[in-house]
């Protein structure tokens, strides 16, 4: 049985570091991690969850569509 708190755990597991050292998460990786904890999200639903439940991730997708890429940013400029 899926539990609500597992969604955030799956999101954290989907976070990776890119070649520039930024922490990024792709919608596709997030959906794969959700499947492992028995949540079945579409790419659109996963994007909506990221937009609604995270405040420090910004969309940096190189292409249009539902397969998006987000990166962690510091909105306070390091303060």
N, C-alpha and C. Protein backbone atom coordinates (compact mmCIF):
# COMPACT_ATOMS: atom_id res chain seq x y z
N UNK A 1 0.84 -1.18 0.00
CA UNK A 1 0.00 0.00 0.00
C UNK A 1 0.89 1.24 0.00
N UNK A 2 0.70 2.14 -0.96
CA UNK A 2 1.54 3.34 -1.01
C UNK A 2 1.21 4.31 0.13
N UNK A 3 2.25 4.99 0.59
CA UNK A 3 2.10 5.95 1.68
C UNK A 3 2.54 7.32 1.17
N UNK A 4 1.88 8.37 1.64
CA UNK A 4 2.16 9.73 1.15
C UNK A 4 3.60 10.16 1.38
N UNK A 5 4.19 9.81 2.51
CA UNK A 5 5.55 10.26 2.80
C UNK A 5 6.57 9.63 1.86
N UNK A 6 6.22 8.53 1.20
CA UNK A 6 7.14 7.87 0.28
C UNK A 6 7.37 8.68 -1.00
N UNK A 7 6.46 9.58 -1.31
CA UNK A 7 6.64 10.40 -2.51
C UNK A 7 7.87 11.29 -2.35
N UNK A 8 8.02 11.93 -1.21
CA UNK A 8 9.19 12.78 -0.97
C UNK A 8 10.47 11.95 -0.93
N UNK A 9 10.40 10.76 -0.37
CA UNK A 9 11.56 9.87 -0.35
C UNK A 9 11.97 9.53 -1.78
N UNK A 10 11.00 9.21 -2.63
CA UNK A 10 11.29 8.90 -4.03
C UNK A 10 11.89 10.11 -4.74
N UNK A 11 11.40 11.30 -4.43
CA UNK A 11 11.94 12.51 -5.04
C UNK A 11 13.41 12.68 -4.65
N UNK A 12 13.72 12.51 -3.38
CA UNK A 12 15.11 12.66 -2.93
C UNK A 12 16.03 11.63 -3.55
N UNK A 13 15.52 10.41 -3.75
CA UNK A 13 16.33 9.37 -4.39
C UNK A 13 16.58 9.66 -5.86
N UNK A 14 15.70 10.43 -6.49
CA UNK A 14 15.83 10.74 -7.92
C UNK A 14 16.84 11.87 -8.16
N UNK A 15 17.25 12.58 -7.13
CA UNK A 15 18.19 13.69 -7.29
C UNK A 15 19.57 13.15 -7.63
N UNK A 16 20.19 13.77 -8.65
CA UNK A 16 21.52 13.39 -9.08
C UNK A 16 22.37 14.64 -9.24
N UNK A 17 23.68 14.46 -9.33
CA UNK A 17 24.59 15.57 -9.62
C UNK A 17 24.98 15.51 -11.09
N UNK A 18 24.92 16.66 -11.78
CA UNK A 18 25.34 16.69 -13.17
C UNK A 18 26.84 17.01 -13.25
N UNK A 19 27.35 17.16 -14.44
CA UNK A 19 28.79 17.37 -14.63
C UNK A 19 29.27 18.70 -14.08
N UNK A 20 28.38 19.66 -13.92
CA UNK A 20 28.73 20.96 -13.36
C UNK A 20 28.63 20.99 -11.84
N UNK A 21 28.18 19.91 -11.23
CA UNK A 21 28.05 19.84 -9.78
C UNK A 21 26.68 20.24 -9.27
N UNK A 22 25.77 20.60 -10.17
CA UNK A 22 24.42 20.97 -9.75
C UNK A 22 23.61 19.73 -9.39
N UNK A 23 22.72 19.89 -8.45
CA UNK A 23 21.80 18.81 -8.11
C UNK A 23 20.60 18.92 -9.03
N UNK A 24 20.34 17.86 -9.78
CA UNK A 24 19.23 17.87 -10.73
C UNK A 24 18.33 16.67 -10.50
N UNK A 25 17.10 16.79 -10.97
CA UNK A 25 16.17 15.67 -10.95
C UNK A 25 15.36 15.73 -12.25
N UNK A 26 15.30 14.60 -12.93
CA UNK A 26 14.48 14.53 -14.13
C UNK A 26 13.14 13.90 -13.77
N UNK A 27 12.14 14.28 -14.51
CA UNK A 27 10.81 13.74 -14.26
C UNK A 27 10.81 12.23 -14.47
N UNK A 28 11.54 11.77 -15.46
CA UNK A 28 11.60 10.34 -15.75
C UNK A 28 12.21 9.56 -14.58
N UNK A 29 13.29 10.07 -14.00
CA UNK A 29 13.90 9.40 -12.83
C UNK A 29 12.95 9.41 -11.64
N UNK A 30 12.25 10.52 -11.45
CA UNK A 30 11.29 10.63 -10.35
C UNK A 30 10.18 9.59 -10.49
N UNK A 31 9.64 9.44 -11.70
CA UNK A 31 8.57 8.46 -11.94
C UNK A 31 9.09 7.04 -11.69
N UNK A 32 10.32 6.75 -12.09
CA UNK A 32 10.90 5.42 -11.85
C UNK A 32 11.03 5.14 -10.36
N UNK A 33 11.48 6.13 -9.61
CA UNK A 33 11.59 5.95 -8.15
C UNK A 33 10.22 5.79 -7.51
N UNK A 34 9.23 6.49 -8.01
CA UNK A 34 7.86 6.34 -7.49
C UNK A 34 7.34 4.94 -7.72
N UNK A 35 7.65 4.37 -8.87
CA UNK A 35 7.21 3.00 -9.17
C UNK A 35 7.76 2.01 -8.15
N UNK A 36 8.97 2.25 -7.67
CA UNK A 36 9.59 1.35 -6.71
C UNK A 36 8.89 1.36 -5.36
N UNK A 37 8.18 2.46 -5.04
CA UNK A 37 7.45 2.53 -3.78
C UNK A 37 5.93 2.44 -4.00
N UNK A 38 5.56 1.87 -5.16
CA UNK A 38 4.16 1.55 -5.46
C UNK A 38 3.27 2.76 -5.74
N UNK A 39 3.85 3.84 -6.24
CA UNK A 39 3.09 4.99 -6.71
C UNK A 39 3.18 5.01 -8.22
N UNK A 40 2.09 5.23 -8.91
CA UNK A 40 2.06 5.20 -10.37
C UNK A 40 1.64 6.57 -10.89
N UNK A 41 2.63 7.40 -11.17
CA UNK A 41 2.39 8.76 -11.67
C UNK A 41 2.71 8.81 -13.16
N UNK A 42 1.97 9.66 -13.88
CA UNK A 42 2.34 9.99 -15.24
C UNK A 42 3.41 11.08 -15.19
N UNK A 43 4.06 11.34 -16.31
CA UNK A 43 5.05 12.41 -16.33
C UNK A 43 4.39 13.75 -15.99
N UNK A 44 3.21 13.98 -16.49
CA UNK A 44 2.49 15.23 -16.21
C UNK A 44 2.19 15.37 -14.72
N UNK A 45 1.73 14.29 -14.08
CA UNK A 45 1.41 14.32 -12.65
C UNK A 45 2.69 14.54 -11.83
N UNK A 46 3.78 13.93 -12.24
CA UNK A 46 5.05 14.10 -11.53
C UNK A 46 5.54 15.54 -11.63
N UNK A 47 5.42 16.14 -12.82
CA UNK A 47 5.80 17.55 -12.99
C UNK A 47 4.97 18.45 -12.10
N UNK A 48 3.69 18.19 -12.05
CA UNK A 48 2.80 19.00 -11.22
C UNK A 48 3.17 18.86 -9.74
N UNK A 49 3.49 17.64 -9.30
CA UNK A 49 3.88 17.43 -7.91
C UNK A 49 5.15 18.22 -7.61
N UNK A 50 6.15 18.15 -8.48
CA UNK A 50 7.39 18.88 -8.27
C UNK A 50 7.13 20.38 -8.17
N UNK A 51 6.31 20.90 -9.07
CA UNK A 51 6.00 22.34 -9.06
C UNK A 51 5.26 22.77 -7.80
N UNK A 52 4.39 21.91 -7.29
CA UNK A 52 3.56 22.27 -6.14
C UNK A 52 4.24 22.03 -4.80
N UNK A 53 5.14 21.06 -4.71
CA UNK A 53 5.70 20.66 -3.42
C UNK A 53 7.16 21.01 -3.19
N UNK A 54 7.82 21.58 -4.18
CA UNK A 54 9.20 21.99 -3.97
C UNK A 54 9.32 23.48 -4.29
N UNK A 55 10.10 24.17 -3.51
CA UNK A 55 10.27 25.61 -3.73
C UNK A 55 11.67 25.96 -4.20
N UNK A 56 12.60 25.05 -4.11
CA UNK A 56 13.98 25.36 -4.47
C UNK A 56 14.44 24.65 -5.73
N UNK A 57 13.52 24.13 -6.53
CA UNK A 57 13.89 23.50 -7.80
C UNK A 57 13.29 24.30 -8.94
N UNK A 58 14.13 24.58 -9.93
CA UNK A 58 13.74 25.38 -11.08
C UNK A 58 13.85 24.53 -12.35
N UNK A 59 12.92 24.75 -13.27
CA UNK A 59 12.90 24.01 -14.53
C UNK A 59 14.02 24.50 -15.45
N UNK A 60 14.87 23.58 -15.90
CA UNK A 60 15.94 23.92 -16.84
C UNK A 60 15.89 22.97 -18.04
N UNK A 61 14.72 22.53 -18.43
CA UNK A 61 14.57 21.55 -19.49
C UNK A 61 15.11 22.08 -20.81
N UNK A 62 15.92 21.27 -21.50
CA UNK A 62 16.47 21.71 -22.79
C UNK A 62 15.46 21.58 -23.94
N UNK A 63 14.38 20.81 -23.74
CA UNK A 63 13.38 20.61 -24.78
C UNK A 63 11.99 20.80 -24.21
N UNK A 64 11.02 20.94 -25.09
CA UNK A 64 9.62 21.03 -24.69
C UNK A 64 9.07 19.63 -24.44
N UNK A 65 8.02 19.54 -23.66
CA UNK A 65 7.37 18.26 -23.42
C UNK A 65 7.25 17.97 -21.93
N UNK A 66 6.80 16.77 -21.64
CA UNK A 66 6.57 16.36 -20.26
C UNK A 66 7.81 15.81 -19.58
N UNK A 67 8.81 15.41 -20.35
CA UNK A 67 10.05 14.90 -19.75
C UNK A 67 10.94 16.10 -19.45
N UNK A 68 10.86 16.58 -18.22
CA UNK A 68 11.52 17.83 -17.84
C UNK A 68 12.69 17.57 -16.90
N UNK A 69 13.52 18.61 -16.75
CA UNK A 69 14.69 18.55 -15.89
C UNK A 69 14.65 19.75 -14.95
N UNK A 70 14.83 19.50 -13.67
CA UNK A 70 14.81 20.56 -12.66
C UNK A 70 16.16 20.59 -11.96
N UNK A 71 16.58 21.76 -11.50
CA UNK A 71 17.82 21.84 -10.73
C UNK A 71 17.59 22.64 -9.46
N UNK A 72 18.39 22.31 -8.45
CA UNK A 72 18.32 22.97 -7.16
C UNK A 72 18.99 24.32 -7.25
N UNK A 73 18.32 25.37 -6.78
CA UNK A 73 18.93 26.69 -6.75
C UNK A 73 18.68 27.31 -5.40
N UNK A 74 19.50 28.29 -5.06
CA UNK A 74 19.37 28.98 -3.78
C UNK A 74 18.71 30.34 -4.03
N UNK A 75 17.44 30.48 -3.69
CA UNK A 75 16.73 31.72 -3.98
C UNK A 75 17.21 32.91 -3.14
N UNK A 76 17.98 32.67 -2.09
CA UNK A 76 18.43 33.76 -1.22
C UNK A 76 19.84 34.20 -1.54
N UNK A 77 20.43 33.69 -2.59
CA UNK A 77 21.76 34.11 -2.97
C UNK A 77 22.85 33.68 -1.98
N UNK A 78 22.63 32.61 -1.27
CA UNK A 78 23.63 32.09 -0.34
C UNK A 78 23.53 32.67 1.06
N UNK A 79 22.51 33.45 1.31
CA UNK A 79 22.34 34.05 2.64
C UNK A 79 21.51 33.15 3.52
